[in-house]
PDB file of N, CA and C in Angstrom:
ATOM      1  N   MET A   1      29.908  47.475 -14.898  1.00  0.00           N
ATOM      2  CA  MET A   1      29.734  48.139 -13.298  1.00  0.00           C
ATOM      3  C   MET A   1      30.359  47.300 -12.150  1.00  0.00           C
ATOM      4  N   ASP A   2      30.373  47.572 -11.437  1.00  0.00           N
ATOM      5  CA  ASP A   2      30.699  46.665 -10.603  1.00  0.00           C
ATOM      6  C   ASP A   2      29.779  46.031  -9.702  1.00  0.00           C
ATOM      7  N   ALA A   3      30.358  44.671  -9.119  1.00  0.00           N
ATOM      8  CA  ALA A   3      29.618  43.868  -8.836  1.00  0.00           C
ATOM      9  C   ALA A   3      28.857  44.620  -7.250  1.00  0.00           C
ATOM     10  N   ARG A   4      29.475  44.895  -6.628  1.00  0.00           N
ATOM     11  CA  ARG A   4      29.325  45.035  -4.850  1.00  0.00           C
ATOM     12  C   ARG A   4      28.091  47.104  -5.031  1.00  0.00           C
ATOM     13  N   LEU A   5      28.272  47.774  -6.519  1.00  0.00           N
ATOM     14  CA  LEU A   5      27.474  48.649  -6.450  1.00  0.00           C
ATOM     15  C   LEU A   5      25.839  47.843  -7.234  1.00  0.00           C
ATOM     16  N   ILE A   6      25.870  47.456  -8.014  1.00  0.00           N
ATOM     17  CA  ILE A   6      24.994  46.423  -8.642  1.00  0.00           C
ATOM     18  C   ILE A   6      24.159  45.839  -7.150  1.00  0.00           C
ATOM     19  N   THR A   7      25.015  45.298  -6.955  1.00  0.00           N
ATOM     20  CA  THR A   7      24.180  44.194  -4.867  1.00  0.00           C
ATOM     21  C   THR A   7      23.466  45.330  -4.274  1.00  0.00           C
ATOM     22  N   HIS A   8      24.704  46.917  -3.823  1.00  0.00           N
ATOM     23  CA  HIS A   8      24.157  47.699  -3.103  1.00  0.00           C
ATOM     24  C   HIS A   8      22.749  48.007  -3.617  1.00  0.00           C
ATOM     25  N   ALA A   9      22.676  48.580  -4.603  1.00  0.00           N
ATOM     26  CA  ALA A   9      21.527  48.810  -5.320  1.00  0.00           C
ATOM     27  C   ALA A   9      20.436  48.197  -5.514  1.00  0.00           C
ATOM     28  N   LEU A  10      20.282  46.974  -5.541  1.00  0.00           N
ATOM     29  CA  LEU A  10      19.424  45.864  -5.566  1.00  0.00           C
ATOM     30  C   LEU A  10      18.895  46.353  -3.952  1.00  0.00           C
ATOM     31  N   ARG A  11      19.990  46.150  -2.672  1.00  0.00           N
ATOM     32  CA  ARG A  11      19.335  45.588  -1.258  1.00  0.00           C
ATOM     33  C   ARG A  11      18.620  47.346  -0.989  1.00  0.00           C
ATOM     34  N   GLU A  12      19.651  48.445  -1.237  1.00  0.00           N
ATOM     35  CA  GLU A  12      18.587  49.548  -1.585  1.00  0.00           C
ATOM     36  C   GLU A  12      17.228  49.814  -1.866  1.00  0.00           C
ATOM     37  N   THR A  13      17.145  49.362  -3.073  1.00  0.00           N
ATOM     38  CA  THR A  13      15.504  49.389  -3.834  1.00  0.00           C
ATOM     39  C   THR A  13      14.699  48.114  -3.106  1.00  0.00           C
ATOM     40  N   THR A  14      15.437  47.004  -2.262  1.00  0.00           N
ATOM     41  CA  THR A  14      14.656  46.149  -1.893  1.00  0.00           C
ATOM     42  C   THR A  14      14.133  46.868  -0.545  1.00  0.00           C
ATOM     43  N   ARG A  15      14.758  47.081   0.166  1.00  0.00           N
ATOM     44  CA  ARG A  15      14.259  47.936   1.215  1.00  0.00           C
ATOM     45  C   ARG A  15      13.620  49.061   1.430  1.00  0.00           C
ATOM     46  N   GLU A  16      13.606  49.485   0.348  1.00  0.00           N
ATOM     47  CA  GLU A  16      12.582  50.985   0.096  1.00  0.00           C
ATOM     48  C   GLU A  16      11.568  50.144  -0.179  1.00  0.00           C
ATOM     49  N   GLU A  17      11.483  49.538  -1.450  1.00  0.00           N
ATOM     50  CA  GLU A  17      10.058  48.715  -1.798  1.00  0.00           C
ATOM     51  C   GLU A  17       9.266  47.979  -1.123  1.00  0.00           C
ATOM     52  N   ILE A  18       9.766  47.190  -1.080  1.00  0.00           N
ATOM     53  CA  ILE A  18       8.961  45.937   0.221  1.00  0.00           C
ATOM     54  C   ILE A  18       8.649  46.359   1.591  1.00  0.00           C
ATOM     55  N   PRO A  19       7.495  46.662   1.613  1.00  0.00           N
ATOM     56  CA  PRO A  19       7.270  46.394   3.241  1.00  0.00           C
ATOM     57  C   PRO A  19       7.727  45.111   4.146  1.00  0.00           C
ATOM     58  N   GLU A  20       7.888  45.419   5.392  1.00  0.00           N
ATOM     59  CA  GLU A  20       8.537  44.723   6.398  1.00  0.00           C
ATOM     60  C   GLU A  20       7.943  43.654   6.680  1.00  0.00           C
ATOM     61  N   ASP A  21       6.532  43.489   6.477  1.00  0.00           N
ATOM     62  CA  ASP A  21       5.077  42.430   6.697  1.00  0.00           C
ATOM     63  C   ASP A  21       5.002  41.983   5.552  1.00  0.00           C
ATOM     64  N   MET A  22       6.308  41.645   4.451  1.00  0.00           N
ATOM     65  CA  MET A  22       5.659  41.031   3.095  1.00  0.00           C
ATOM     66  C   MET A  22       6.209  39.835   3.508  1.00  0.00           C
ATOM     67  N   ASN A  23       7.099  40.097   4.497  1.00  0.00           N
ATOM     68  CA  ASN A  23       7.589  38.037   4.925  1.00  0.00           C
ATOM     69  C   ASN A  23       6.156  37.090   5.225  1.00  0.00           C
ATOM     70  N   LEU A  24       5.911  36.434   4.189  1.00  0.00           N
ATOM     71  CA  LEU A  24       4.500  35.616   4.574  1.00  0.00           C
ATOM     72  C   LEU A  24       4.893  34.082   4.484  1.00  0.00           C
ATOM     73  N   LEU A  25       6.178  34.092   4.897  1.00  0.00           N
ATOM     74  CA  LEU A  25       7.224  32.527   4.993  1.00  0.00           C
ATOM     75  C   LEU A  25       6.658  31.792   6.293  1.00  0.00           C
ATOM     76  N   PRO A  26       6.521  32.301   7.149  1.00  0.00           N
ATOM     77  CA  PRO A  26       6.154  32.272   8.772  1.00  0.00           C
ATOM     78  C   PRO A  26       4.567  31.766   8.621  1.00  0.00           C
ATOM     79  N   GLN A  27       3.544  32.450   8.051  1.00  0.00           N
ATOM     80  CA  GLN A  27       2.720  31.853   7.952  1.00  0.00           C
ATOM     81  C   GLN A  27       1.637  30.825   6.875  1.00  0.00           C
ATOM     82  N   ILE A  28       2.863  31.135   6.168  1.00  0.00           N
ATOM     83  CA  ILE A  28       2.941  29.408   5.241  1.00  0.00           C
ATOM     84  C   ILE A  28       3.106  28.462   5.929  1.00  0.00           C
ATOM     85  N   HIS A  29       4.220  28.579   7.168  1.00  0.00           N
ATOM     86  CA  HIS A  29       4.424  27.280   7.285  1.00  0.00           C
ATOM     87  C   HIS A  29       3.910  27.001   8.499  1.00  0.00           C
ATOM     88  N   THR A  30       3.482  28.032   9.394  1.00  0.00           N
ATOM     89  CA  THR A  30       1.716  27.223   9.980  1.00  0.00           C
ATOM     90  C   THR A  30       1.024  27.064   9.818  1.00  0.00           C
ATOM     91  N   GLN A  31       0.033  27.383   8.501  1.00  0.00           N
ATOM     92  CA  GLN A  31      -0.260  27.136   8.037  1.00  0.00           C
ATOM     93  C   GLN A  31       0.239  25.331   7.260  1.00  0.00           C
ATOM     94  N   LEU A  32       0.924  24.906   6.918  1.00  0.00           N
ATOM     95  CA  LEU A  32       1.191  23.799   6.514  1.00  0.00           C
ATOM     96  C   LEU A  32       1.743  22.375   7.611  1.00  0.00           C
ATOM     97  N   GLU A  33       1.919  23.458   8.550  1.00  0.00           N
ATOM     98  CA  GLU A  33       1.835  22.484   9.876  1.00  0.00           C
ATOM     99  C   GLU A  33       0.507  21.953  10.423  1.00  0.00           C
ATOM    100  N   ARG A  34      -0.514  22.801  10.089  1.00  0.00           N
ATOM    101  CA  ARG A  34      -1.972  22.697  10.364  1.00  0.00           C
ATOM    102  C   ARG A  34      -2.319  21.332   9.584  1.00  0.00           C
ATOM    103  N   VAL A  35      -1.818  21.511   8.545  1.00  0.00           N
ATOM    104  CA  VAL A  35      -2.858  20.799   7.325  1.00  0.00           C
ATOM    105  C   VAL A  35      -1.646  19.428   7.375  1.00  0.00           C
ATOM    106  N   SER A  36      -0.248  19.473   7.759  1.00  0.00           N
ATOM    107  CA  SER A  36       0.110  18.044   8.040  1.00  0.00           C
ATOM    108  C   SER A  36      -0.192  16.965   8.832  1.00  0.00           C
ATOM    109  N   ARG A  37      -0.560  18.217  10.101  1.00  0.00           N
ATOM    110  CA  ARG A  37      -0.833  17.285  11.029  1.00  0.00           C
ATOM    111  C   ARG A  37      -2.166  16.328  11.072  1.00  0.00           C
ATOM    112  N   ARG A  38      -3.510  17.248  10.445  1.00  0.00           N
ATOM    113  CA  ARG A  38      -5.165  16.637   9.656  1.00  0.00           C
ATOM    114  C   ARG A  38      -4.685  15.623   8.895  1.00  0.00           C
ATOM    115  N   SER A  39      -3.617  15.761   7.949  1.00  0.00           N
ATOM    116  CA  SER A  39      -4.001  15.359   6.841  1.00  0.00           C
ATOM    117  C   SER A  39      -3.037  13.924   6.939  1.00  0.00           C
ATOM    118  N   ARG A  40      -2.609  13.764   7.996  1.00  0.00           N
ATOM    119  CA  ARG A  40      -1.399  12.657   8.596  1.00  0.00           C
ATOM    120  C   ARG A  40      -2.458  11.486   9.134  1.00  0.00           C
ATOM    121  N   GLY A  41      -2.770  12.148   9.877  1.00  0.00           N
ATOM    122  CA  GLY A  41      -4.803  11.048  10.356  1.00  0.00           C
ATOM    123  C   GLY A  41      -5.415  10.545   9.578  1.00  0.00           C
ATOM    124  N   LEU A  42      -5.893  11.377   8.787  1.00  0.00           N
ATOM    125  CA  LEU A  42      -6.473  11.572   7.860  1.00  0.00           C
ATOM    126  C   LEU A  42      -5.945  10.009   6.242  1.00  0.00           C
ATOM    127  N   THR A  43      -4.672  10.111   5.963  1.00  0.00           N
ATOM    128  CA  THR A  43      -3.725   9.255   5.220  1.00  0.00           C
ATOM    129  C   THR A  43      -3.519   8.373   6.525  1.00  0.00           C
ATOM    130  N   LEU A  44      -3.658   8.024   7.539  1.00  0.00           N
ATOM    131  CA  LEU A  44      -3.568   6.994   7.624  1.00  0.00           C
ATOM    132  C   LEU A  44      -4.795   5.973   8.121  1.00  0.00           C
ATOM    133  N   LEU A  45      -6.260   6.720   8.111  1.00  0.00           N
ATOM    134  CA  LEU A  45      -7.337   6.430   8.284  1.00  0.00           C
ATOM    135  C   LEU A  45      -7.407   5.430   6.561  1.00  0.00           C
ATOM    136  N   LEU A  46      -6.950   6.752   5.961  1.00  0.00           N
ATOM    137  CA  LEU A  46      -7.837   5.957   4.557  1.00  0.00           C
ATOM    138  C   LEU A  46      -6.609   4.803   4.063  1.00  0.00           C
ATOM    139  N   THR A  47      -5.259   4.264   4.402  1.00  0.00           N
ATOM    140  CA  THR A  47      -4.629   3.779   4.110  1.00  0.00           C
ATOM    141  C   THR A  47      -5.417   2.445   4.878  1.00  0.00           C
ATOM    142  N   VAL A  48      -5.930   2.504   6.373  1.00  0.00           N
ATOM    143  CA  VAL A  48      -6.581   1.266   6.330  1.00  0.00           C
ATOM    144  C   VAL A  48      -7.486   0.688   6.053  1.00  0.00           C
ATOM    145  N   ILE A  49      -8.194   1.420   5.654  1.00  0.00           N
ATOM    146  CA  ILE A  49      -9.222   1.161   5.140  1.00  0.00           C
ATOM    147  C   ILE A  49      -9.443   0.774   3.301  1.00  0.00           C
ATOM    148  N   ILE A  50      -8.280   1.520   2.961  1.00  0.00           N
ATOM    149  CA  ILE A  50      -7.953   0.639   1.750  1.00  0.00           C
ATOM    150  C   ILE A  50      -7.299  -0.844   1.716  1.00  0.00           C
ATOM    151  N   MET A  51      -6.561  -0.721   2.824  1.00  0.00           N
ATOM    152  CA  MET A  51      -6.002  -2.394   2.865  1.00  0.00           C
ATOM    153  C   MET A  51      -6.764  -2.985   3.713  1.00  0.00           C
ATOM    154  N   PHE A  52      -7.831  -2.691   3.998  1.00  0.00           N
ATOM    155  CA  PHE A  52      -8.792  -3.707   4.753  1.00  0.00           C
ATOM    156  C   PHE A  52      -8.841  -4.195   2.977  1.00  0.00           C
ATOM    157  N   GLY A  53      -9.678  -3.552   2.428  1.00  0.00           N
ATOM    158  CA  GLY A  53     -10.999  -3.276   1.481  1.00  0.00           C
ATOM    159  C   GLY A  53     -10.270  -4.442   0.225  1.00  0.00           C
ATOM    160  N   VAL A  54      -8.778  -4.422   0.356  1.00  0.00           N
ATOM    161  CA  VAL A  54      -7.556  -5.472  -0.616  1.00  0.00           C
ATOM    162  C   VAL A  54      -8.170  -6.694  -0.394  1.00  0.00           C
ATOM    163  N   VAL A  55      -7.503  -6.741   0.856  1.00  0.00           N
ATOM    164  CA  VAL A  55      -7.238  -7.781   1.900  1.00  0.00           C
ATOM    165  C   VAL A  55      -8.879  -8.525   2.040  1.00  0.00           C
ATOM    166  N   THR A  56      -9.756  -8.074   1.658  1.00  0.00           N
ATOM    167  CA  THR A  56     -11.110  -8.631   1.938  1.00  0.00           C
ATOM    168  C   THR A  56     -11.379  -9.327   0.239  1.00  0.00           C
ATOM    169  N   ALA A  57     -10.971  -8.222  -0.562  1.00  0.00           N
ATOM    170  CA  ALA A  57     -11.384  -9.000  -1.896  1.00  0.00           C
ATOM    171  C   ALA A  57     -10.084 -10.114  -2.285  1.00  0.00           C
ATOM    172  N   VAL A  58      -8.846  -9.700  -1.755  1.00  0.00           N
ATOM    173  CA  VAL A  58      -7.921 -11.242  -2.324  1.00  0.00           C
ATOM    174  C   VAL A  58      -8.402 -12.239  -1.636  1.00  0.00           C
ATOM    175  N   TYR A  59      -9.041 -12.240  -0.251  1.00  0.00           N
ATOM    176  CA  TYR A  59      -9.320 -13.064   0.741  1.00  0.00           C
ATOM    177  C   TYR A  59     -10.890 -13.688  -0.191  1.00  0.00           C
ATOM    178  N   ALA A  60     -11.438 -13.229  -0.878  1.00  0.00           N
ATOM    179  CA  ALA A  60     -12.741 -13.895  -0.903  1.00  0.00           C
ATOM    180  C   ALA A  60     -12.337 -14.334  -2.448  1.00  0.00           C
ATOM    181  N   VAL A  61     -11.438 -13.716  -3.454  1.00  0.00           N
ATOM    182  CA  VAL A  61     -11.226 -14.663  -4.482  1.00  0.00           C
ATOM    183  C   VAL A  61     -10.182 -15.666  -4.330  1.00  0.00           C
ATOM    184  N   VAL A  62      -9.391 -15.697  -3.245  1.00  0.00           N
ATOM    185  CA  VAL A  62      -9.078 -16.735  -3.328  1.00  0.00           C
ATOM    186  C   VAL A  62      -9.554 -17.928  -2.357  1.00  0.00           C
ATOM    187  N   ASN A  63     -10.136 -17.800  -1.509  1.00  0.00           N
ATOM    188  CA  ASN A  63     -11.373 -18.346  -1.245  1.00  0.00           C
ATOM    189  C   ASN A  63     -12.549 -18.955  -2.326  1.00  0.00           C
ATOM    190  N   GLY A  64     -12.799 -18.957  -3.145  1.00  0.00           N
ATOM    191  CA  GLY A  64     -13.192 -18.850  -4.018  1.00  0.00           C
ATOM    192  C   GLY A  64     -12.962 -19.984  -5.063  1.00  0.00           C
ATOM    193  N   GLN A  65     -11.294 -19.412  -5.579  1.00  0.00           N
ATOM    194  CA  GLN A  65     -10.859 -20.370  -6.285  1.00  0.00           C
ATOM    195  C   GLN A  65      -9.916 -21.685  -5.291  1.00  0.00           C
ATOM    196  N   ILE A  66     -10.083 -21.970  -4.450  1.00  0.00           N
ATOM    197  CA  ILE A  66      -9.555 -22.674  -3.540  1.00  0.00           C
ATOM    198  C   ILE A  66     -10.801 -23.611  -3.116  1.00  0.00           C
ATOM    199  N   GLY A  67     -11.685 -22.704  -2.482  1.00  0.00           N
ATOM    200  CA  GLY A  67     -12.900 -23.718  -1.988  1.00  0.00           C
ATOM    201  C   GLY A  67     -13.478 -24.872  -2.845  1.00  0.00           C
ATOM    202  N   LEU A  68     -13.537 -25.965  -1.891  1.00  0.00           N
ATOM    203  CA  LEU A  68     -14.287 -27.135  -2.826  1.00  0.00           C
ATOM    204  C   LEU A  68     -15.707 -27.169  -3.333  1.00  0.00           C
ATOM    205  N   ASP A  69     -15.610 -27.728  -4.694  1.00  0.00           N
ATOM    206  CA  ASP A  69     -16.620 -27.750  -4.908  1.00  0.00           C
ATOM    207  C   ASP A  69     -17.763 -28.863  -4.815  1.00  0.00           C
ATOM    208  N   PRO A  70     -19.073 -29.252  -5.139  1.00  0.00           N
ATOM    209  CA  PRO A  70     -19.831 -29.960  -4.901  1.00  0.00           C
ATOM    210  C   PRO A  70     -18.930 -31.759  -5.497  1.00  0.00           C
ATOM    211  N   GLY A  71     -18.340 -31.942  -6.418  1.00  0.00           N
ATOM    212  CA  GLY A  71     -17.889 -32.508  -7.135  1.00  0.00           C
ATOM    213  C   GLY A  71     -16.858 -33.388  -6.218  1.00  0.00           C
ATOM    214  N   MET A  72     -16.129 -32.176  -5.683  1.00  0.00           N
ATOM    215  CA  MET A  72     -15.079 -32.561  -4.736  1.00  0.00           C
ATOM    216  C   MET A  72     -15.906 -33.005  -3.188  1.00  0.00           C
ATOM    217  N   GLU A  73     -16.753 -32.299  -2.970  1.00  0.00           N
ATOM    218  CA  GLU A  73     -16.965 -33.195  -1.281  1.00  0.00           C
ATOM    219  C   GLU A  73     -17.331 -34.447  -1.651  1.00  0.00           C
ATOM    220  N   GLY A  74     -18.050 -35.054  -2.983  1.00  0.00           N
ATOM    221  CA  GLY A  74     -18.166 -36.165  -3.203  1.00  0.00           C
ATOM    222  C   GLY A  74     -17.305 -36.775  -3.220  1.00  0.00           C
ATOM    223  N   VAL A  75     -15.998 -36.501  -3.998  1.00  0.00           N
ATOM    224  CA  VAL A  75     -14.659 -37.360  -4.096  1.00  0.00           C
ATOM    225  C   VAL A  75     -14.272 -37.612  -2.429  1.00  0.00           C
ATOM    226  N   ASP A  76     -14.212 -36.619  -1.638  1.00  0.00           N
ATOM    227  CA  ASP A  76     -14.012 -36.404  -0.594  1.00  0.00           C
ATOM    228  C   ASP A  76     -14.333 -37.517   0.124  1.00  0.00           C
ATOM    229  N   ALA A  77     -15.838 -37.181   0.036  1.00  0.00           N
ATOM    230  CA  ALA A  77     -16.695 -38.580   0.873  1.00  0.00           C
ATOM    231  C   ALA A  77     -16.346 -39.942   0.364  1.00  0.00           C
ATOM    232  N   ALA A  78     -15.931 -40.157  -0.597  1.00  0.00           N
ATOM    233  CA  ALA A  78     -15.739 -41.522  -0.915  1.00  0.00           C
ATOM    234  C   ALA A  78     -14.053 -41.670  -0.702  1.00  0.00           C
ATOM    235  N   ASN A  79     -13.459 -41.094  -0.277  1.00  0.00           N
ATOM    236  CA  ASN A  79     -12.057 -41.227   0.214  1.00  0.00           C
ATOM    237  C   ASN A  79     -11.488 -41.692  -1.057  1.00  0.00           C
ATOM    238  N   LEU A  80     -11.456 -40.868  -1.952  1.00  0.00           N
ATOM    239  CA  LEU A  80     -10.369 -41.193  -3.617  1.00  0.00           C
ATOM    240  C   LEU A  80      -9.555 -39.795  -3.568  1.00  0.00           C
ATOM    241  N   VAL A  81      -8.792 -39.010  -2.228  1.00  0.00           N
ATOM    242  CA  VAL A  81      -8.101 -37.946  -2.321  1.00  0.00           C
ATOM    243  C   VAL A  81      -6.822 -39.017  -1.783  1.00  0.00           C
ATOM    244  N   THR A  82      -5.807 -38.232  -2.516  1.00  0.00           N
ATOM    245  CA  THR A  82      -4.211 -39.061  -1.909  1.00  0.00           C
ATOM    246  C   THR A  82      -4.066 -38.200  -0.951  1.00  0.00           C
ATOM    247  N   ASP A  83      -3.609 -38.766   0.478  1.00  0.00           N
ATOM    248  CA  ASP A  83      -2.737 -37.839   1.192  1.00  0.00           C
ATOM    249  C   ASP A  83      -1.341 -37.272   0.616  1.00  0.00           C
ATOM    250  N   LEU A  84      -0.694 -36.499   0.651  1.00  0.00           N
ATOM    251  CA  LEU A  84       1.068 -36.615   0.334  1.00  0.00           C
ATOM    252  C   LEU A  84       1.793 -36.197   1.035  1.00  0.00           C
ATOM    253  N   ASN A  85       1.191 -34.705   1.767  1.00  0.00           N
ATOM    254  CA  ASN A  85       1.884 -34.421   2.915  1.00  0.00           C
ATOM    255  C   ASN A  85       3.391 -33.836   2.608  1.00  0.00           C
ATOM    256  N   LEU A  86       3.608 -33.261   1.373  1.00  0.00           N
ATOM    257  CA  LEU A  86       5.010 -32.884   0.963  1.00  0.00           C
ATOM    258  C   LEU A  86       5.454 -31.515   1.240  1.00  0.00           C
ATOM    259  N   SER A  87       6.622 -31.344   1.674  1.00  0.00           N
ATOM    260  CA  SER A  87       6.860 -29.751   1.713  1.00  0.00           C
ATOM    261  C   SER A  87       8.190 -29.653   1.294  1.00  0.00           C
ATOM    262  N   GLN A  88       8.383 -28.133   0.599  1.00  0.00           N
ATOM    263  CA  GLN A  88       9.404 -28.349   0.200  1.00  0.00           C
ATOM    264  C   GLN A  88       9.924 -26.262   0.429  1.00  0.00           C
ATOM    265  N   THR A  89      11.493 -26.205   1.024  1.00  0.00           N
ATOM    266  CA  THR A  89      11.461 -25.010   1.138  1.00  0.00           C
ATOM    267  C   THR A  89      12.441 -24.236   0.034  1.00  0.00           C
ATOM    268  N   VAL A  90      12.051 -23.112  -0.565  1.00  0.00           N
ATOM    269  CA  VAL A  90      12.974 -22.488  -1.106  1.00  0.00           C
ATOM    270  C   VAL A  90      12.893 -20.910  -0.573  1.00  0.00           C
ATOM    271  N   ASP A  91      14.125 -20.597  -0.272  1.00  0.00           N
ATOM    272  CA  ASP A  91      14.464 -19.028   0.129  1.00  0.00           C
ATOM    273  C   ASP A  91      13.686 -18.807   1.439  1.00  0.00           C
ATOM    274  N   GLY A  92      13.250 -19.693   2.157  1.00  0.00           N
ATOM    275  CA  GLY A  92      12.827 -19.415   3.118  1.00  0.00           C
ATOM    276  C   GLY A  92      11.077 -19.469   3.034  1.00  0.00           C
ATOM    277  N   VAL A  93      10.761 -19.562   2.361  1.00  0.00           N
ATOM    278  CA  VAL A  93       8.953 -20.168   1.392  1.00  0.00           C
ATOM    279  C   VAL A  93       8.535 -21.446   1.796  1.00  0.00           C
ATOM    280  N   THR A  94       8.003 -21.793   2.184  1.00  0.00           N
ATOM    281  CA  THR A  94       7.721 -23.556   2.497  1.00  0.00           C
ATOM    282  C   THR A  94       6.420 -23.405   2.154  1.00  0.00           C
ATOM    283  N   LEU A  95       6.503 -24.604   1.112  1.00  0.00           N
ATOM    284  CA  LEU A  95       4.742 -24.642   0.093  1.00  0.00           C
ATOM    285  C   LEU A  95       4.840 -26.099   0.672  1.00  0.00           C
ATOM    286  N   THR A  96       3.537 -26.378   1.095  1.00  0.00           N
ATOM    287  CA  THR A  96       3.040 -27.894   1.519  1.00  0.00           C
ATOM    288  C   THR A  96       1.855 -28.410   0.602  1.00  0.00           C
ATOM    289  N   LEU A  97       1.787 -29.305  -0.039  1.00  0.00           N
ATOM    290  CA  LEU A  97       0.983 -29.896  -0.437  1.00  0.00           C
ATOM    291  C   LEU A  97       0.799 -31.090   0.288  1.00  0.00           C
ATOM    292  N   GLU A  98      -0.305 -31.414   0.787  1.00  0.00           N
ATOM    293  CA  GLU A  98      -1.300 -31.743   1.761  1.00  0.00           C
ATOM    294  C   GLU A  98      -2.004 -33.029   0.899  1.00  0.00           C
ATOM    295  N   TRP A  99      -2.926 -33.034  -0.220  1.00  0.00           N
ATOM    296  CA  TRP A  99      -3.170 -33.565  -0.629  1.00  0.00           C
ATOM    297  C   TRP A  99      -3.500 -33.839  -1.917  1.00  0.00           C
ATOM    298  N   ALA A 100      -3.943 -34.327  -2.777  1.00  0.00           N
ATOM    299  CA  ALA A 100      -3.648 -34.649  -4.526  1.00  0.00           C
ATOM    300  C   ALA A 100      -5.070 -35.396  -4.737  1.00  0.00           C
ATOM    301  N   TYR A 101      -6.361 -35.285  -5.993  1.00  0.00           N
ATOM    302  CA  TYR A 101      -7.178 -35.888  -6.735  1.00  0.00           C
ATOM    303  C   TYR A 101      -6.731 -35.520  -8.125  1.00  0.00           C
ATOM    304  N   ILE A 102      -7.334 -36.510  -9.120  1.00  0.00           N
ATOM    305  CA  ILE A 102      -6.626 -36.009 -10.125  1.00  0.00           C
ATOM    306  C   ILE A 102      -7.635 -37.774 -11.064  1.00  0.00           C
ATOM    307  N   ASP A 103      -8.593 -36.921 -12.162  1.00  0.00           N
ATOM    308  CA  ASP A 103      -9.800 -37.509 -12.807  1.00  0.00           C
ATOM    309  C   ASP A 103      -9.617 -37.285 -14.466  1.00  0.00           C
ATOM    310  N   ALA A 104     -10.266 -37.293 -15.161  1.00  0.00           N
ATOM    311  CA  ALA A 104     -10.190 -37.180 -16.819  1.00  0.00           C
ATOM    312  C   ALA A 104     -10.820 -35.966 -16.869  1.00  0.00           C
ATOM    313  N   HIS A 105     -10.745 -35.233 -15.700  1.00  0.00           N
ATOM    314  CA  HIS A 105     -11.248 -33.897 -15.528  1.00  0.00           C
ATOM    315  C   HIS A 105     -10.871 -32.621 -15.208  1.00  0.00           C
ATOM    316  N   ARG A 106     -10.438 -33.027 -13.655  1.00  0.00           N
ATOM    317  CA  ARG A 106      -9.942 -32.252 -13.256  1.00  0.00           C
ATOM    318  C   ARG A 106      -8.395 -32.124 -12.800  1.00  0.00           C
ATOM    319  N   VAL A 107      -7.521 -31.441 -11.835  1.00  0.00           N
ATOM    320  CA  VAL A 107      -6.300 -31.670 -11.263  1.00  0.00           C
ATOM    321  C   VAL A 107      -6.369 -30.856 -10.150  1.00  0.00           C
ATOM    322  N   VAL A 108      -6.913 -31.302  -8.805  1.00  0.00           N
ATOM    323  CA  VAL A 108      -6.729 -30.685  -7.717  1.00  0.00           C
ATOM    324  C   VAL A 108      -6.016 -30.937  -6.689  1.00  0.00           C
TER     325      VAL A 108
END
């Protein structure tokens, strides 16, 4: 068969059997716009809440690991800490070692 005849037959069948109000694409786009506006605000709010939670958890863990224990408070009071104030920069990141303490049980 000729491709033009097939195309013409398909178009005629489409016009006869599919009603004009069958095009739901505009309604779908309208619904998607409403959903995306609401979900953007909700997504932003959830992102901020999650970031706050993660930052709080990381701060708690780091503070617990870095904070002075009672033994170190005694070492600091006895002035056994060595002040170093050494800095090194690698790829734009600077690390500063302000002080150090070493004994038979720990390196701080």
